[in-house]
Amino acid sequence: MKKLVCVGACYLDTILDVPHYPDEDSKLRATNLHVRRGGNCPNTLEVLQQLLKERGGHHVKPYLMSCLPCADAPATATVVGSFGHESVVDFTRCIYRADHTEPARSYIMRSDATGSRTSVNYNSLPEMTIDEFVAAANEVGDDAWFHFEGRIPDTTLQCIRYLRQSFPKTRVSVEVEKPGRSGLEDLAAEADVVFYSRSWAESKRYQNAQQCLKAQSGVAHRATVGAGDTFIAGMLFGLLCHHEDWDMETKVQFAVQLATRKVQQDGFDGVGAGVM
């Protein structure tokens, strides 16, 4: 069975819909409030498991490797439960912080006037260490695909190099997303597949996706919040499940169709079914 390990942060998002972005030191009544699980890798896995369920016979085992509160914390149950009772995602490689009960949180204001999304994050959970990654990776073993969100680049670079040295058959993909975060290009140089965000490419003064890809190395272009995580799910599905019968153009076209479907709806429910 093929193994996919997604390494990245997991958040509980509190989303407030507001008529407009508030002025400093002012009060504003929200029109709606919604709490849901977020994080790039969890979002990608949610869509990927839809594809695996709808398109059976691919024999891919997806893992989430993320720092979470203690295993019996209500917040941890919320995170695990958000994938559904019959989830195919394996959480045994997550790193549970025994002394913490609160998850990483993100507070997002969505402006009805402009469509902008303003996010404030808070995370008191200690970040994953290289020793914790090594222990988890050893349990996964060789011949797996590791996808990294691109956070904490120094540690992530150590993780990738450990995989290269210890498990030479392992494939690696990374996200290069946040502008100004140092070390991301070092991660890209070590990866087999790189997903570049639009905001990162624009921060490097690339005029279009083709110019970015010519100067760098990778296959992806992130469009809007949630669509990029969905695009990555589609690409990973193609790379893992159709590596022989789909050429790269077909893989990209499928991922684009999947991301387009995501843009047309709020949340990830049924995104995979929409392109079956």
C-alpha atoms as a PDB file:
ATOM      1  CA  MET A   1       0.000   0.000   0.000  1.00  0.00           C
ATOM      2  CA  LYS A   2       1.246   3.488  -0.869  1.00  0.00           C
ATOM      3  CA  LYS A   3       1.796   5.837   2.051  1.00  0.00           C
ATOM      4  CA  LEU A   4       1.266   9.617   2.058  1.00  0.00           C
ATOM      5  CA  VAL A   5       2.367  11.627   5.102  1.00  0.00           C
ATOM      6  CA  CYS A   6       1.279  15.286   5.285  1.00  0.00           C
ATOM      7  CA  VAL A   7       3.350  17.323   7.751  1.00  0.00           C
ATOM      8  CA  GLY A   8       1.959  20.665   8.881  1.00  0.00           C
ATOM      9  CA  ALA A   9      -0.002  22.662  11.427  1.00  0.00           C
ATOM     10  CA  CYS A  10      -3.621  21.985  12.336  1.00  0.00           C
ATOM     11  CA  TYR A  11      -5.856  24.855  13.445  1.00  0.00           C
ATOM     12  CA  LEU A  12      -9.353  25.414  14.713  1.00  0.00           C
ATOM     13  CA  ASP A  13     -10.636  28.380  12.719  1.00  0.00           C
ATOM     14  CA  THR A  14     -13.192  30.857  14.044  1.00  0.00           C
ATOM     15  CA  ILE A  15     -14.619  32.691  11.033  1.00  0.00           C
ATOM     16  CA  LEU A  16     -16.555  35.930  11.459  1.00  0.00           C
ATOM     17  CA  ASP A  17     -18.493  37.424   8.548  1.00  0.00           C
ATOM     18  CA  VAL A  18     -18.594  41.218   8.933  1.00  0.00           C
ATOM     19  CA  PRO A  19     -20.180  43.966   6.778  1.00  0.00           C
ATOM     20  CA  HIS A  20     -16.787  45.626   6.395  1.00  0.00           C
ATOM     21  CA  TYR A  21     -13.360  45.523   8.010  1.00  0.00           C
ATOM     22  CA  PRO A  22     -13.623  47.365  11.357  1.00  0.00           C
ATOM     23  CA  ASP A  23     -11.796  50.559  12.154  1.00  0.00           C
ATOM     24  CA  GLU A  24      -9.254  50.430  14.961  1.00  0.00           C
ATOM     25  CA  ASP A  25     -10.747  50.807  18.459  1.00  0.00           C
ATOM     26  CA  SER A  26     -14.318  50.375  17.168  1.00  0.00           C
ATOM     27  CA  LYS A  27     -17.203  47.940  17.602  1.00  0.00           C
ATOM     28  CA  LEU A  28     -18.851  45.949  14.844  1.00  0.00           C
ATOM     29  CA  ARG A  29     -21.560  43.276  14.872  1.00  0.00           C
ATOM     30  CA  ALA A  30     -20.769  40.122  12.885  1.00  0.00           C
ATOM     31  CA  THR A  31     -23.439  38.700  10.587  1.00  0.00           C
ATOM     32  CA  ASN A  32     -22.321  35.092  10.970  1.00  0.00           C
ATOM     33  CA  LEU A  33     -19.914  32.933  12.966  1.00  0.00           C
ATOM     34  CA  HIS A  34     -18.537  29.541  11.985  1.00  0.00           C
ATOM     35  CA  VAL A  35     -15.954  27.306  13.692  1.00  0.00           C
ATOM     36  CA  ARG A  36     -14.191  24.622  11.691  1.00  0.00           C
ATOM     37  CA  ARG A  37     -10.903  22.780  11.485  1.00  0.00           C
ATOM     38  CA  GLY A  38      -8.258  24.395   9.319  1.00  0.00           C
ATOM     39  CA  GLY A  39      -4.612  24.103   8.351  1.00  0.00           C
ATOM     40  CA  ASN A  40      -3.090  23.467   4.934  1.00  0.00           C
ATOM     41  CA  CYS A  41      -2.286  19.771   5.372  1.00  0.00           C
ATOM     42  CA  PRO A  42      -5.559  18.845   7.127  1.00  0.00           C
ATOM     43  CA  ASN A  43      -7.509  20.641   4.384  1.00  0.00           C
ATOM     44  CA  THR A  44      -5.567  18.791   1.696  1.00  0.00           C
ATOM     45  CA  LEU A  45      -6.189  15.452   3.416  1.00  0.00           C
ATOM     46  CA  GLU A  46      -9.916  16.154   3.765  1.00  0.00           C
ATOM     47  CA  VAL A  47     -10.233  16.581   0.010  1.00  0.00           C
ATOM     48  CA  LEU A  48      -7.868  13.706  -0.764  1.00  0.00           C
ATOM     49  CA  GLN A  49      -9.873  11.242   1.323  1.00  0.00           C
ATOM     50  CA  GLN A  50     -12.978  12.220  -0.648  1.00  0.00           C
ATOM     51  CA  LEU A  51     -11.124  11.320  -3.856  1.00  0.00           C
ATOM     52  CA  LEU A  52      -9.869   8.037  -2.429  1.00  0.00           C
ATOM     53  CA  LYS A  53     -13.351   7.042  -1.281  1.00  0.00           C
ATOM     54  CA  GLU A  54     -15.066   8.030  -4.519  1.00  0.00           C
ATOM     55  CA  ARG A  55     -12.386   6.528  -6.735  1.00  0.00           C
ATOM     56  CA  GLY A  56     -11.664   3.243  -4.994  1.00  0.00           C
ATOM     57  CA  GLY A  57      -8.934   0.722  -5.629  1.00  0.00           C
ATOM     58  CA  HIS A  58      -5.939   3.020  -5.258  1.00  0.00           C
ATOM     59  CA  HIS A  59      -4.665   1.630  -1.926  1.00  0.00           C
ATOM     60  CA  VAL A  60      -3.205   4.848  -0.509  1.00  0.00           C
ATOM     61  CA  LYS A  61      -2.803   5.244   3.258  1.00  0.00           C
ATOM     62  CA  PRO A  62      -2.838   8.952   4.208  1.00  0.00           C
ATOM     63  CA  TYR A  63      -1.279  10.109   7.483  1.00  0.00           C
ATOM     64  CA  LEU A  64      -1.437  13.462   9.249  1.00  0.00           C
ATOM     65  CA  MET A  65       1.692  14.461  11.151  1.00  0.00           C
ATOM     66  CA  SER A  66       0.787  17.516  13.200  1.00  0.00           C
ATOM     67  CA  CYS A  67       1.268  18.807  16.743  1.00  0.00           C
ATOM     68  CA  LEU A  68      -2.022  18.489  18.659  1.00  0.00           C
ATOM     69  CA  PRO A  69      -3.127  18.904  22.282  1.00  0.00           C
ATOM     70  CA  CYS A  70      -3.183  15.846  24.531  1.00  0.00           C
ATOM     71  CA  ALA A  71      -4.956  12.850  23.022  1.00  0.00           C
ATOM     72  CA  ASP A  72      -7.980  13.070  25.344  1.00  0.00           C
ATOM     73  CA  ALA A  73      -8.516  16.845  24.979  1.00  0.00           C
ATOM     74  CA  PRO A  74     -11.919  17.904  23.556  1.00  0.00           C
ATOM     75  CA  ALA A  75     -10.121  20.007  20.945  1.00  0.00           C
ATOM     76  CA  THR A  76      -8.244  16.939  19.710  1.00  0.00           C
ATOM     77  CA  ALA A  77     -11.513  15.018  19.436  1.00  0.00           C
ATOM     78  CA  THR A  78     -12.911  17.923  17.401  1.00  0.00           C
ATOM     79  CA  VAL A  79      -9.972  17.809  15.004  1.00  0.00           C
ATOM     80  CA  VAL A  80     -10.148  14.043  14.499  1.00  0.00           C
ATOM     81  CA  GLY A  81     -13.945  14.093  14.270  1.00  0.00           C
ATOM     82  CA  SER A  82     -13.863  16.765  11.562  1.00  0.00           C
ATOM     83  CA  PHE A  83     -12.676  14.116   9.084  1.00  0.00           C
ATOM     84  CA  GLY A  84     -15.796  11.994   9.652  1.00  0.00           C
ATOM     85  CA  HIS A  85     -16.528   8.721  11.410  1.00  0.00           C
ATOM     86  CA  GLU A  86     -15.247   6.639   8.489  1.00  0.00           C
ATOM     87  CA  SER A  87     -12.121   8.663   7.827  1.00  0.00           C
ATOM     88  CA  VAL A  88      -9.244   6.928   6.058  1.00  0.00           C
ATOM     89  CA  VAL A  89      -6.727   9.379   7.562  1.00  0.00           C
ATOM     90  CA  ASP A  90      -4.347   7.879  10.135  1.00  0.00           C
ATOM     91  CA  PHE A  91      -3.594  10.134  13.135  1.00  0.00           C
ATOM     92  CA  THR A  92      -1.123   7.819  14.880  1.00  0.00           C
ATOM     93  CA  ARG A  93       1.842   9.847  13.590  1.00  0.00           C
ATOM     94  CA  CYS A  94       0.543  13.070  15.154  1.00  0.00           C
ATOM     95  CA  ILE A  95       2.526  14.491  18.061  1.00  0.00           C
ATOM     96  CA  TYR A  96       0.291  14.897  21.101  1.00  0.00           C
ATOM     97  CA  ARG A  97       1.369  17.515  23.657  1.00  0.00           C
ATOM     98  CA  ALA A  98       0.462  15.969  27.030  1.00  0.00           C
ATOM     99  CA  ASP A  99       0.606  19.272  28.934  1.00  0.00           C
ATOM    100  CA  HIS A 100      -1.641  21.186  26.533  1.00  0.00           C
ATOM    101  CA  THR A 101      -5.402  21.133  26.073  1.00  0.00           C
ATOM    102  CA  GLU A 102      -5.831  24.019  23.637  1.00  0.00           C
ATOM    103  CA  PRO A 103      -5.141  23.709  19.889  1.00  0.00           C
ATOM    104  CA  ALA A 104      -3.609  26.203  17.538  1.00  0.00           C
ATOM    105  CA  ARG A 105      -6.313  28.725  16.683  1.00  0.00           C
ATOM    106  CA  SER A 106      -6.989  31.121  13.846  1.00  0.00           C
ATOM    107  CA  TYR A 107      -9.467  34.007  13.947  1.00  0.00           C
ATOM    108  CA  ILE A 108     -10.607  35.133  10.526  1.00  0.00           C
ATOM    109  CA  MET A 109     -12.699  38.161   9.559  1.00  0.00           C
ATOM    110  CA  ARG A 110     -14.375  37.986   6.144  1.00  0.00           C
ATOM    111  CA  SER A 111     -15.482  41.337   4.775  1.00  0.00           C
ATOM    112  CA  ASP A 112     -18.745  41.356   2.824  1.00  0.00           C
ATOM    113  CA  ALA A 113     -17.770  44.712   1.313  1.00  0.00           C
ATOM    114  CA  THR A 114     -14.492  43.648  -0.283  1.00  0.00           C
ATOM    115  CA  GLY A 115     -14.285  39.880   0.073  1.00  0.00           C
ATOM    116  CA  SER A 116     -11.000  40.191   1.989  1.00  0.00           C
ATOM    117  CA  ARG A 117     -10.029  37.730   4.714  1.00  0.00           C
ATOM    118  CA  THR A 118      -7.954  38.967   7.649  1.00  0.00           C
ATOM    119  CA  SER A 119      -6.468  36.271   9.869  1.00  0.00           C
ATOM    120  CA  VAL A 120      -4.897  36.360  13.344  1.00  0.00           C
ATOM    121  CA  ASN A 121      -3.250  33.129  14.518  1.00  0.00           C
ATOM    122  CA  TYR A 122      -2.325  31.926  17.987  1.00  0.00           C
ATOM    123  CA  ASN A 123      -0.426  28.733  18.711  1.00  0.00           C
ATOM    124  CA  SER A 124       0.898  27.784  22.151  1.00  0.00           C
ATOM    125  CA  LEU A 125       1.800  24.221  21.142  1.00  0.00           C
ATOM    126  CA  PRO A 126       5.558  23.552  20.948  1.00  0.00           C
ATOM    127  CA  GLU A 127       6.683  22.963  17.369  1.00  0.00           C
ATOM    128  CA  MET A 128       7.774  19.548  16.150  1.00  0.00           C
ATOM    129  CA  THR A 129      11.449  18.761  16.715  1.00  0.00           C
ATOM    130  CA  ILE A 130      13.704  16.816  14.384  1.00  0.00           C
ATOM    131  CA  ASP A 131      13.912  13.987  16.941  1.00  0.00           C
ATOM    132  CA  GLU A 132      10.112  13.712  17.036  1.00  0.00           C
ATOM    133  CA  PHE A 133       9.987  13.634  13.250  1.00  0.00           C
ATOM    134  CA  VAL A 134      12.675  10.953  13.033  1.00  0.00           C
ATOM    135  CA  ALA A 135      10.763   8.723  15.455  1.00  0.00           C
ATOM    136  CA  ALA A 136       7.535   9.098  13.457  1.00  0.00           C
ATOM    137  CA  ALA A 137       9.241   8.708  10.068  1.00  0.00           C
ATOM    138  CA  ASN A 138      10.943   5.514  11.197  1.00  0.00           C
ATOM    139  CA  GLU A 139       7.528   4.057  11.993  1.00  0.00           C
ATOM    140  CA  VAL A 140       6.261   4.962   8.518  1.00  0.00           C
ATOM    141  CA  GLY A 141       9.274   3.400   6.813  1.00  0.00           C
ATOM    142  CA  ASP A 142      10.555   3.608   3.239  1.00  0.00           C
ATOM    143  CA  ASP A 143       8.748   4.037  -0.079  1.00  0.00           C
ATOM    144  CA  ALA A 144       6.398   6.774   1.161  1.00  0.00           C
ATOM    145  CA  TRP A 145       5.480  10.251  -0.058  1.00  0.00           C
ATOM    146  CA  PHE A 146       6.059  13.065   2.452  1.00  0.00           C
ATOM    147  CA  HIS A 147       4.352  16.404   1.852  1.00  0.00           C
ATOM    148  CA  PHE A 148       5.536  19.365   3.949  1.00  0.00           C
ATOM    149  CA  GLU A 149       3.579  22.560   4.511  1.00  0.00           C
ATOM    150  CA  GLY A 150       6.769  24.656   4.486  1.00  0.00           C
ATOM    151  CA  ARG A 151       6.618  25.919   8.070  1.00  0.00           C
ATOM    152  CA  ILE A 152       9.701  26.146  10.340  1.00  0.00           C
ATOM    153  CA  PRO A 153      12.068  25.790   7.348  1.00  0.00           C
ATOM    154  CA  ASP A 154      15.170  24.990   9.418  1.00  0.00           C
ATOM    155  CA  THR A 155      13.537  21.947  11.007  1.00  0.00           C
ATOM    156  CA  THR A 156      11.794  20.944   7.782  1.00  0.00           C
ATOM    157  CA  LEU A 157      15.108  20.992   5.919  1.00  0.00           C
ATOM    158  CA  GLN A 158      16.581  18.612   8.518  1.00  0.00           C
ATOM    159  CA  CYS A 159      13.522  16.367   8.088  1.00  0.00           C
ATOM    160  CA  ILE A 160      13.904  16.199   4.316  1.00  0.00           C
ATOM    161  CA  ARG A 161      17.607  15.475   4.521  1.00  0.00           C
ATOM    162  CA  TYR A 162      16.970  12.721   7.041  1.00  0.00           C
ATOM    163  CA  LEU A 163      14.493  11.126   4.631  1.00  0.00           C
ATOM    164  CA  ARG A 164      16.987  11.370   1.765  1.00  0.00           C
ATOM    165  CA  GLN A 165      19.676   9.680   3.827  1.00  0.00           C
ATOM    166  CA  SER A 166      17.577   7.021   5.563  1.00  0.00           C
ATOM    167  CA  PHE A 167      14.789   6.289   3.069  1.00  0.00           C
ATOM    168  CA  PRO A 168      16.063   6.876  -0.479  1.00  0.00           C
ATOM    169  CA  LYS A 169      12.856   5.663  -2.123  1.00  0.00           C
ATOM    170  CA  THR A 170      10.795   8.348  -0.402  1.00  0.00           C
ATOM    171  CA  ARG A 171       9.386  11.194  -2.515  1.00  0.00           C
ATOM    172  CA  VAL A 172       9.084  14.713  -1.074  1.00  0.00           C
ATOM    173  CA  SER A 173       6.855  17.667  -1.926  1.00  0.00           C
ATOM    174  CA  VAL A 174       6.789  21.075  -0.225  1.00  0.00           C
ATOM    175  CA  GLU A 175       4.676  24.218  -0.214  1.00  0.00           C
ATOM    176  CA  VAL A 176       6.432  27.536  -0.741  1.00  0.00           C
ATOM    177  CA  GLU A 177       3.685  29.867   0.373  1.00  0.00           C
ATOM    178  CA  LYS A 178       4.436  32.670   2.822  1.00  0.00           C
ATOM    179  CA  PRO A 179       6.246  35.740   1.437  1.00  0.00           C
ATOM    180  CA  GLY A 180       9.242  36.811   3.472  1.00  0.00           C
ATOM    181  CA  ARG A 181       9.741  33.464   5.213  1.00  0.00           C
ATOM    182  CA  SER A 182      13.449  32.714   4.896  1.00  0.00           C
ATOM    183  CA  GLY A 183      14.643  29.250   3.986  1.00  0.00           C
ATOM    184  CA  LEU A 184      11.780  28.262   1.665  1.00  0.00           C
ATOM    185  CA  GLU A 185      13.951  28.158  -1.443  1.00  0.00           C
ATOM    186  CA  ASP A 186      16.322  25.795   0.364  1.00  0.00           C
ATOM    187  CA  LEU A 187      13.367  23.465   0.912  1.00  0.00           C
ATOM    188  CA  ALA A 188      12.377  23.732  -2.750  1.00  0.00           C
ATOM    189  CA  ALA A 189      15.900  22.727  -3.808  1.00  0.00           C
ATOM    190  CA  GLU A 190      15.602  19.489  -1.813  1.00  0.00           C
ATOM    191  CA  ALA A 191      12.097  18.492  -2.971  1.00  0.00           C
ATOM    192  CA  ASP A 192      10.848  16.389  -5.860  1.00  0.00           C
ATOM    193  CA  VAL A 193       7.709  18.516  -6.316  1.00  0.00           C
ATOM    194  CA  VAL A 194       7.186  22.148  -5.249  1.00  0.00           C
ATOM    195  CA  PHE A 195       3.924  24.074  -4.937  1.00  0.00           C
ATOM    196  CA  TYR A 196       4.463  27.845  -5.180  1.00  0.00           C
ATOM    197  CA  SER A 197       1.831  30.281  -3.926  1.00  0.00           C
ATOM    198  CA  ARG A 198       0.803  33.307  -5.932  1.00  0.00           C
ATOM    199  CA  SER A 199       1.637  35.649  -3.044  1.00  0.00           C
ATOM    200  CA  TRP A 200       5.159  34.206  -2.754  1.00  0.00           C
ATOM    201  CA  ALA A 201       5.755  34.468  -6.509  1.00  0.00           C
ATOM    202  CA  GLU A 202       4.528  38.075  -6.581  1.00  0.00           C
ATOM    203  CA  SER A 203       6.804  38.937  -3.644  1.00  0.00           C
ATOM    204  CA  LYS A 204       9.702  37.772  -5.834  1.00  0.00           C
ATOM    205  CA  ARG A 205       8.458  40.114  -8.598  1.00  0.00           C
ATOM    206  CA  TYR A 206       7.550  37.345 -11.019  1.00  0.00           C
ATOM    207  CA  GLN A 207       5.031  38.654 -13.522  1.00  0.00           C
ATOM    208  CA  ASN A 208       3.238  35.358 -14.130  1.00  0.00           C
ATOM    209  CA  ALA A 209       3.276  31.661 -13.233  1.00  0.00           C
ATOM    210  CA  GLN A 210       5.391  30.710 -16.225  1.00  0.00           C
ATOM    211  CA  GLN A 211       8.132  33.137 -15.229  1.00  0.00           C
ATOM    212  CA  CYS A 212       8.128  31.800 -11.681  1.00  0.00           C
ATOM    213  CA  LEU A 213       8.326  28.179 -12.791  1.00  0.00           C
ATOM    214  CA  LYS A 214      11.089  28.926 -15.275  1.00  0.00           C
ATOM    215  CA  ALA A 215      13.171  30.544 -12.540  1.00  0.00           C
ATOM    216  CA  GLN A 216      12.269  28.035  -9.852  1.00  0.00           C
ATOM    217  CA  SER A 217      11.036  24.454 -10.008  1.00  0.00           C
ATOM    218  CA  GLY A 218       7.484  23.299  -9.344  1.00  0.00           C
ATOM    219  CA  VAL A 219       4.027  22.831 -10.676  1.00  0.00           C
ATOM    220  CA  ALA A 220       1.472  24.839  -8.732  1.00  0.00           C
ATOM    221  CA  HIS A 221      -0.131  28.258  -8.442  1.00  0.00           C
ATOM    222  CA  ARG A 222      -2.358  29.003  -5.452  1.00  0.00           C
ATOM    223  CA  ALA A 223      -5.500  30.952  -6.282  1.00  0.00           C
ATOM    224  CA  THR A 224      -7.475  31.738  -3.109  1.00  0.00           C
ATOM    225  CA  VAL A 225      -7.909  30.505   0.443  1.00  0.00           C
ATOM    226  CA  GLY A 226      -8.741  26.782   0.450  1.00  0.00           C
ATOM    227  CA  ALA A 227      -8.353  26.417  -3.304  1.00  0.00           C
ATOM    228  CA  GLY A 228      -4.599  25.924  -2.997  1.00  0.00           C
ATOM    229  CA  ASP A 229      -4.987  23.133  -0.442  1.00  0.00           C
ATOM    230  CA  THR A 230      -7.534  21.545  -2.779  1.00  0.00           C
ATOM    231  CA  PHE A 231      -5.198  21.903  -5.775  1.00  0.00           C
ATOM    232  CA  ILE A 232      -2.458  20.125  -3.829  1.00  0.00           C
ATOM    233  CA  ALA A 233      -4.889  17.322  -2.938  1.00  0.00           C
ATOM    234  CA  GLY A 234      -5.674  16.887  -6.623  1.00  0.00           C
ATOM    235  CA  MET A 235      -2.010  16.857  -7.604  1.00  0.00           C
ATOM    236  CA  LEU A 236      -1.063  14.368  -4.888  1.00  0.00           C
ATOM    237  CA  PHE A 237      -3.964  12.162  -5.966  1.00  0.00           C
ATOM    238  CA  GLY A 238      -2.692  12.230  -9.548  1.00  0.00           C
ATOM    239  CA  LEU A 239       0.934  11.663  -8.566  1.00  0.00           C
ATOM    240  CA  LEU A 240       0.117   8.753  -6.272  1.00  0.00           C
ATOM    241  CA  CYS A 241      -2.854   7.105  -7.953  1.00  0.00           C
ATOM    242  CA  HIS A 242      -2.365   7.916 -11.656  1.00  0.00           C
ATOM    243  CA  HIS A 243       1.396   8.220 -11.980  1.00  0.00           C
ATOM    244  CA  GLU A 244       1.413   5.931 -15.032  1.00  0.00           C
ATOM    245  CA  ASP A 245      -1.884   6.507 -16.866  1.00  0.00           C
ATOM    246  CA  TRP A 246      -2.116  10.330 -16.477  1.00  0.00           C
ATOM    247  CA  ASP A 247       0.534  12.605 -17.965  1.00  0.00           C
ATOM    248  CA  MET A 248       1.479  15.799 -16.096  1.00  0.00           C
ATOM    249  CA  GLU A 249      -0.934  17.940 -18.106  1.00  0.00           C
ATOM    250  CA  THR A 250      -3.840  15.655 -17.142  1.00  0.00           C
ATOM    251  CA  LYS A 251      -2.809  15.759 -13.482  1.00  0.00           C
ATOM    252  CA  VAL A 252      -2.704  19.553 -13.502  1.00  0.00           C
ATOM    253  CA  GLN A 253      -6.035  19.818 -15.342  1.00  0.00           C
ATOM    254  CA  PHE A 254      -7.688  17.552 -12.775  1.00  0.00           C
ATOM    255  CA  ALA A 255      -6.239  19.568  -9.886  1.00  0.00           C
ATOM    256  CA  VAL A 256      -7.389  22.837 -11.472  1.00  0.00           C
ATOM    257  CA  GLN A 257     -10.934  21.468 -11.919  1.00  0.00           C
ATOM    258  CA  LEU A 258     -10.923  20.400  -8.274  1.00  0.00           C
ATOM    259  CA  ALA A 259      -9.697  23.819  -7.078  1.00  0.00           C
ATOM    260  CA  THR A 260     -12.260  25.572  -9.291  1.00  0.00           C
ATOM    261  CA  ARG A 261     -14.988  23.528  -7.626  1.00  0.00           C
ATOM    262  CA  LYS A 262     -13.673  24.648  -4.210  1.00  0.00           C
ATOM    263  CA  VAL A 263     -13.786  28.329  -5.193  1.00  0.00           C
ATOM    264  CA  GLN A 264     -17.498  27.941  -5.938  1.00  0.00           C
ATOM    265  CA  GLN A 265     -18.400  26.796  -2.415  1.00  0.00           C
ATOM    266  CA  ASP A 266     -17.691  27.453   1.253  1.00  0.00           C
ATOM    267  CA  GLY A 267     -15.910  24.586   3.014  1.00  0.00           C
ATOM    268  CA  PHE A 268     -14.628  21.299   1.625  1.00  0.00           C
ATOM    269  CA  ASP A 269     -17.656  19.000   1.874  1.00  0.00           C
ATOM    270  CA  GLY A 270     -18.331  17.265  -1.443  1.00  0.00           C
ATOM    271  CA  VAL A 271     -15.477  18.953  -3.323  1.00  0.00           C
ATOM    272  CA  GLY A 272     -14.175  15.597  -4.556  1.00  0.00           C
ATOM    273  CA  ALA A 273     -17.589  14.391  -5.671  1.00  0.00           C
ATOM    274  CA  GLY A 274     -17.999  17.495  -7.793  1.00  0.00           C
ATOM    275  CA  VAL A 275     -15.372  16.413 -10.314  1.00  0.00           C
ATOM    276  CA  MET A 276     -16.006  12.662 -10.390  1.00  0.00           C
END
